[in-house]
């Protein structure tokens, strides 16, 4: 019987390519041409185009569910063709191959909460991580397109990593990578101020307020725009909701963040809300 060590390291793909064009299929074709035995997993290809904050959030809340040693390829790259670097980052649990544009920020923050307070810019790579700028073009496809580095550089590198090519043969080690700061909630007295940081396929509004902010708060009121939700529900199907929209609920979602959802509906559309919308939580609400 094969042990877990003998199992292939899955290559997990996260992109903003959507499912209309052939871009995702081409990524897979390149990887399988180099390693026909590669195991490929789609995390998502529905990141909003060029949305670095969303891609960081999705990766940060998902990566730890994959087998140890997984190889994550992230192609959300508004700077493709510019002088931004492409990097490989090794953590104790996984390898990440991506543009050096902040898409790996949540992985850093999950490892060390002190990163949550850092400003946008280059930050030191954690002591137990390794980061490499991809420089060894011998393994890249030729010619390299100015607009599809995912195909020509990231996919071939991922395939070589899955075949156990040493990372020192792929690039040059660096001490810092680009970090993209995310909005952090604030608290004043009994009021927490946060904002919507992601909207999922169902139109659920995911905020940057984690469950830890709401500990020991038995009476809550959640407000978005002029709509006030009167309690925290335990699931999408129950709860008092709002007086004006009884089907609107707030709850702690599966990622551990406060969400606002519409029962059997799309909260983002009904409320005309986009990412960045302010959310207020009153923790001493008594009705």
Protein backbone atom coordinates (compact mmCIF):
# COMPACT_ATOMS: atom_id res chain seq x y z
CA UNK A 1 0.00 0.00 0.00
CA UNK A 2 1.31 3.45 -0.89
CA UNK A 3 2.00 5.89 1.91
CA UNK A 4 0.98 9.56 1.87
CA UNK A 5 4.58 10.42 1.06
CA UNK A 6 4.30 8.46 -2.19
CA UNK A 7 1.20 10.31 -3.35
CA UNK A 8 1.70 13.04 -5.97
CA UNK A 9 1.72 16.63 -4.75
CA UNK A 10 -1.44 18.24 -6.16
CA UNK A 11 -1.15 21.41 -8.20
CA UNK A 12 -3.94 23.77 -7.17
CA UNK A 13 -4.97 26.49 -9.66
CA UNK A 14 -6.43 29.87 -8.68
CA UNK A 15 -7.07 32.39 -11.47
CA UNK A 16 -9.34 35.17 -12.70
CA UNK A 17 -9.65 33.52 -16.13
CA UNK A 18 -13.32 32.50 -15.91
CA UNK A 19 -14.66 29.50 -17.83
CA UNK A 20 -15.39 30.94 -21.29
CA UNK A 21 -11.93 31.11 -22.83
CA UNK A 22 -9.32 28.40 -23.16
CA UNK A 23 -6.82 29.89 -20.69
CA UNK A 24 -7.43 27.41 -17.86
CA UNK A 25 -7.28 24.44 -20.19
CA UNK A 26 -3.99 25.68 -21.62
CA UNK A 27 -2.47 25.96 -18.13
CA UNK A 28 -3.40 22.36 -17.49
CA UNK A 29 -2.13 21.27 -20.89
CA UNK A 30 1.28 22.82 -20.27
CA UNK A 31 1.58 21.19 -16.84
CA UNK A 32 0.52 17.77 -18.11
CA UNK A 33 2.88 18.00 -21.09
CA UNK A 34 5.76 18.26 -18.62
CA UNK A 35 4.38 15.95 -15.92
CA UNK A 36 1.69 13.64 -17.36
CA UNK A 37 1.05 12.24 -13.87
CA UNK A 38 0.34 15.58 -12.23
CA UNK A 39 -2.77 15.86 -10.06
CA UNK A 40 -4.61 19.11 -10.90
CA UNK A 41 -7.21 20.78 -8.69
CA UNK A 42 -9.20 23.91 -9.51
CA UNK A 43 -9.63 26.09 -6.44
CA UNK A 44 -11.41 28.75 -8.47
CA UNK A 45 -11.21 30.55 -11.79
CA UNK A 46 -13.87 33.08 -10.85
CA UNK A 47 -11.77 35.67 -9.04
CA UNK A 48 -13.01 39.07 -10.18
CA UNK A 49 -10.64 40.26 -12.93
CA UNK A 50 -7.44 41.75 -11.46
CA UNK A 51 -8.85 41.61 -7.91
CA UNK A 52 -5.76 41.02 -5.78
CA UNK A 53 -7.51 41.45 -2.43
CA UNK A 54 -10.14 38.84 -3.31
CA UNK A 55 -7.57 36.36 -4.59
CA UNK A 56 -5.50 36.80 -1.44
CA UNK A 57 -8.60 36.28 0.74
CA UNK A 58 -9.74 33.15 -1.12
CA UNK A 59 -6.27 31.65 -1.01
CA UNK A 60 -5.77 32.53 2.64
CA UNK A 61 -9.03 30.91 3.71
CA UNK A 62 -8.62 27.81 1.54
CA UNK A 63 -4.99 26.72 1.26
CA UNK A 64 -4.82 24.93 4.61
CA UNK A 65 -7.52 22.46 3.50
CA UNK A 66 -5.23 20.91 0.89
CA UNK A 67 -2.72 18.11 1.50
CA UNK A 68 0.62 19.06 2.98
CA UNK A 69 3.09 19.78 0.18
CA UNK A 70 0.48 21.06 -2.28
CA UNK A 71 1.67 23.38 -5.04
CA UNK A 72 -0.52 26.46 -5.49
CA UNK A 73 -0.38 28.36 -8.77
CA UNK A 74 -2.01 31.79 -8.60
CA UNK A 75 -2.57 33.70 -11.84
CA UNK A 76 -4.19 37.02 -10.98
CA UNK A 77 -1.76 39.38 -12.59
CA UNK A 78 -2.76 42.91 -13.62
CA UNK A 79 0.95 43.70 -14.04
CA UNK A 80 1.69 40.92 -16.52
CA UNK A 81 4.43 41.96 -18.91
CA UNK A 82 5.78 44.70 -16.63
CA UNK A 83 8.88 44.53 -14.45
CA UNK A 84 7.05 42.97 -11.50
CA UNK A 85 8.66 39.69 -10.40
CA UNK A 86 7.26 36.20 -10.41
CA UNK A 87 8.00 34.31 -7.21
CA UNK A 88 7.98 30.91 -5.61
CA UNK A 89 7.31 30.90 -1.87
CA UNK A 90 7.80 27.78 0.24
CA UNK A 91 6.09 27.46 3.60
CA UNK A 92 6.25 24.51 5.99
CA UNK A 93 2.98 23.26 4.46
CA UNK A 94 2.90 24.23 0.78
CA UNK A 95 4.56 25.88 -2.20
CA UNK A 96 3.05 28.99 -3.82
CA UNK A 97 3.94 30.18 -7.33
CA UNK A 98 2.53 33.59 -8.23
CA UNK A 99 3.21 37.14 -9.33
CA UNK A 100 4.89 39.21 -6.62
CA UNK A 101 1.93 41.58 -6.38
CA UNK A 102 0.36 40.83 -3.00
CA UNK A 103 -1.75 37.77 -3.83
CA UNK A 104 0.13 35.84 -1.13
CA UNK A 105 -0.51 38.44 1.58
CA UNK A 106 -3.16 36.45 3.43
CA UNK A 107 -0.83 33.45 3.57
CA UNK A 108 1.68 35.66 5.38
CA UNK A 109 -0.99 37.00 7.73
CA UNK A 110 -2.29 33.53 8.55
CA UNK A 111 1.24 32.52 9.52
CA UNK A 112 1.88 35.61 11.66
CA UNK A 113 -0.89 37.98 12.77
CA UNK A 114 1.61 40.86 13.01
CA UNK A 115 1.46 41.13 9.23
CA UNK A 116 -2.17 42.28 9.49
CA UNK A 117 -0.98 45.68 10.71
CA UNK A 118 1.67 46.14 8.02
CA UNK A 119 1.22 48.69 5.26
CA UNK A 120 1.33 47.93 1.56
CA UNK A 121 4.90 47.46 0.39
CA UNK A 122 7.75 44.99 0.63
CA UNK A 123 7.97 42.97 3.84
CA UNK A 124 10.45 40.51 5.27
CA UNK A 125 9.85 36.86 4.44
CA UNK A 126 9.09 34.90 7.66
CA UNK A 127 11.98 32.90 9.11
CA UNK A 128 10.29 29.57 8.37
CA UNK A 129 9.44 30.54 4.76
CA UNK A 130 11.64 30.70 1.68
CA UNK A 131 11.04 32.96 -1.32
CA UNK A 132 12.64 32.88 -4.76
CA UNK A 133 12.33 35.19 -7.75
CA UNK A 134 11.88 33.06 -10.86
CA UNK A 135 14.90 33.77 -13.06
CA UNK A 136 15.95 30.49 -14.69
CA UNK A 137 14.33 30.75 -18.11
CA UNK A 138 15.59 27.35 -19.27
CA UNK A 139 12.43 25.72 -17.92
CA UNK A 140 10.02 28.32 -19.36
CA UNK A 141 8.13 27.94 -22.61
CA UNK A 142 9.61 29.75 -25.59
CA UNK A 143 8.86 32.33 -26.72
CA UNK A 144 7.51 33.96 -23.56
CA UNK A 145 4.38 36.00 -24.24
CA UNK A 146 4.13 39.47 -22.72
CA UNK A 147 0.52 38.78 -21.75
CA UNK A 148 0.39 35.13 -20.60
CA UNK A 149 3.09 34.44 -18.03
CA UNK A 150 0.77 31.94 -16.37
CA UNK A 151 1.13 29.68 -19.40
CA UNK A 152 4.76 30.34 -20.26
CA UNK A 153 6.40 30.64 -16.83
CA UNK A 154 4.20 29.75 -13.85
CA UNK A 155 2.73 26.53 -15.27
CA UNK A 156 6.10 25.07 -16.39
CA UNK A 157 7.67 25.98 -13.04
CA UNK A 158 4.81 24.30 -11.17
CA UNK A 159 5.24 21.17 -13.26
CA UNK A 160 8.97 21.08 -12.54
CA UNK A 161 8.34 21.54 -8.80
CA UNK A 162 5.90 18.62 -8.93
CA UNK A 163 8.76 16.59 -10.42
CA UNK A 164 10.94 17.61 -7.45
CA UNK A 165 13.26 20.00 -9.27
CA UNK A 166 15.22 21.89 -6.58
CA UNK A 167 13.94 25.43 -6.18
CA UNK A 168 17.52 26.70 -6.42
CA UNK A 169 17.42 25.67 -10.08
CA UNK A 170 14.34 27.81 -10.66
CA UNK A 171 15.28 31.15 -9.21
CA UNK A 172 17.21 33.41 -6.89
CA UNK A 173 16.42 33.52 -3.18
CA UNK A 174 15.14 36.85 -1.82
CA UNK A 175 14.48 38.19 1.67
CA UNK A 176 11.35 40.26 0.96
CA UNK A 177 8.18 40.06 -1.09
CA UNK A 178 5.35 42.45 -1.85
CA UNK A 179 2.58 42.69 0.74
CA UNK A 180 -0.87 44.13 0.08
CA UNK A 181 -2.55 45.45 3.18
CA UNK A 182 -6.20 44.63 3.76
CA UNK A 183 -8.69 46.79 5.65
CA UNK A 184 -8.76 45.98 9.37
CA UNK A 185 -11.86 46.51 11.57
CA UNK A 186 -11.79 49.14 14.28
CA UNK A 187 -13.61 49.31 17.60
CA UNK A 188 -14.76 52.38 19.49
CA UNK A 189 -16.67 51.71 22.67
CA UNK A 190 -19.37 49.19 21.70
CA UNK A 191 -19.23 49.86 17.96
CA UNK A 192 -17.18 47.81 15.51
CA UNK A 193 -16.54 49.32 12.09
CA UNK A 194 -15.68 46.96 9.27
CA UNK A 195 -16.37 46.54 5.58
CA UNK A 196 -17.29 44.04 2.90
CA UNK A 197 -14.12 42.43 1.54
CA UNK A 198 -15.59 39.69 -0.65
CA UNK A 199 -18.85 38.77 -2.36
CA UNK A 200 -19.28 35.11 -3.15
CA UNK A 201 -21.19 33.37 -5.94
CA UNK A 202 -24.42 33.48 -3.91
CA UNK A 203 -24.23 37.21 -3.30
CA UNK A 204 -23.30 36.74 0.36
CA UNK A 205 -21.39 39.73 1.74
CA UNK A 206 -18.27 38.59 3.57
CA UNK A 207 -16.85 41.22 5.90
CA UNK A 208 -13.42 41.64 7.47
CA UNK A 209 -14.90 41.17 10.96
CA UNK A 210 -13.87 37.77 12.31
CA UNK A 211 -15.75 35.83 14.97
CA UNK A 212 -13.06 36.78 17.50
CA UNK A 213 -14.26 40.38 17.37
CA UNK A 214 -17.72 39.23 18.46
CA UNK A 215 -16.77 37.01 21.40
CA UNK A 216 -18.71 37.71 24.59
CA UNK A 217 -21.24 39.78 22.67
CA UNK A 218 -24.68 38.25 23.21
CA UNK A 219 -26.71 41.18 21.85
CA UNK A 220 -25.68 42.33 18.40
CA UNK A 221 -27.05 44.62 15.74
CA UNK A 222 -25.44 44.56 12.30
CA UNK A 223 -25.96 47.54 10.00
CA UNK A 224 -25.17 47.90 6.31
CA UNK A 225 -26.30 51.10 4.60
CA UNK A 226 -29.62 51.93 6.32
CA UNK A 227 -30.54 48.29 6.93
CA UNK A 228 -30.21 46.95 10.46
CA UNK A 229 -30.15 43.21 11.19
CA UNK A 230 -31.44 42.46 14.63
CA UNK A 231 -29.47 39.39 15.66
CA UNK A 232 -26.74 36.96 14.69
CA UNK A 233 -28.16 33.82 13.08
CA UNK A 234 -26.66 30.34 13.24
CA UNK A 235 -27.33 29.50 9.58
CA UNK A 236 -28.65 30.91 6.30
CA UNK A 237 -32.21 29.70 6.84
CA UNK A 238 -33.10 31.07 10.27
CA UNK A 239 -33.00 34.30 12.22
CA UNK A 240 -35.07 37.42 12.83
CA UNK A 241 -33.35 39.43 10.11
CA UNK A 242 -34.20 43.04 9.40
CA UNK A 243 -37.55 44.74 9.94
CA UNK A 244 -37.51 45.98 6.34
CA UNK A 245 -35.99 42.78 4.92
CA UNK A 246 -36.97 39.84 7.16
CA UNK A 247 -35.08 37.39 4.93
CA UNK A 248 -31.78 39.22 5.44
CA UNK A 249 -29.54 37.56 8.05
CA UNK A 250 -26.09 37.98 9.53
CA UNK A 251 -24.02 35.01 10.64
CA UNK A 252 -20.51 33.68 11.09
CA UNK A 253 -19.72 31.89 7.83
CA UNK A 254 -17.59 28.84 7.23
CA UNK A 255 -14.43 30.97 6.93
CA UNK A 256 -14.96 32.42 10.41
CA UNK A 257 -15.95 35.88 9.16
CA UNK A 258 -19.16 37.82 9.69
CA UNK A 259 -21.38 37.51 6.62
CA UNK A 260 -24.61 39.15 5.52
CA UNK A 261 -26.87 36.96 3.41
CA UNK A 262 -30.37 36.88 1.97
CA UNK A 263 -32.32 33.65 2.45
CA UNK A 264 -32.70 32.06 -0.98
CA UNK A 265 -31.55 35.29 -2.58
CA UNK A 266 -28.65 37.57 -3.42
CA UNK A 267 -27.85 40.11 -0.71
CA UNK A 268 -25.38 42.04 -2.87
CA UNK A 269 -28.00 42.69 -5.55
CA UNK A 270 -30.88 43.46 -3.21
CA UNK A 271 -28.80 45.92 -1.17
CA UNK A 272 -26.85 47.25 -4.19
CA UNK A 273 -23.62 46.65 -2.30
CA UNK A 274 -20.10 46.18 -3.62
CA UNK A 275 -16.75 45.37 -2.00
CA UNK A 276 -15.73 48.19 0.32
CA UNK A 277 -19.21 48.92 1.70
CA UNK A 278 -19.08 49.86 5.39
CA UNK A 279 -20.54 47.50 7.98
CA UNK A 280 -21.28 48.50 11.58
CA UNK A 281 -21.76 46.09 14.47
CA UNK A 282 -23.22 47.34 17.73
CA UNK A 283 -22.30 44.89 20.47
CA UNK A 284 -24.52 46.26 23.27
CA UNK A 285 -27.80 46.26 21.39
CA UNK A 286 -30.81 45.75 23.65
CA UNK A 287 -33.67 46.24 21.19
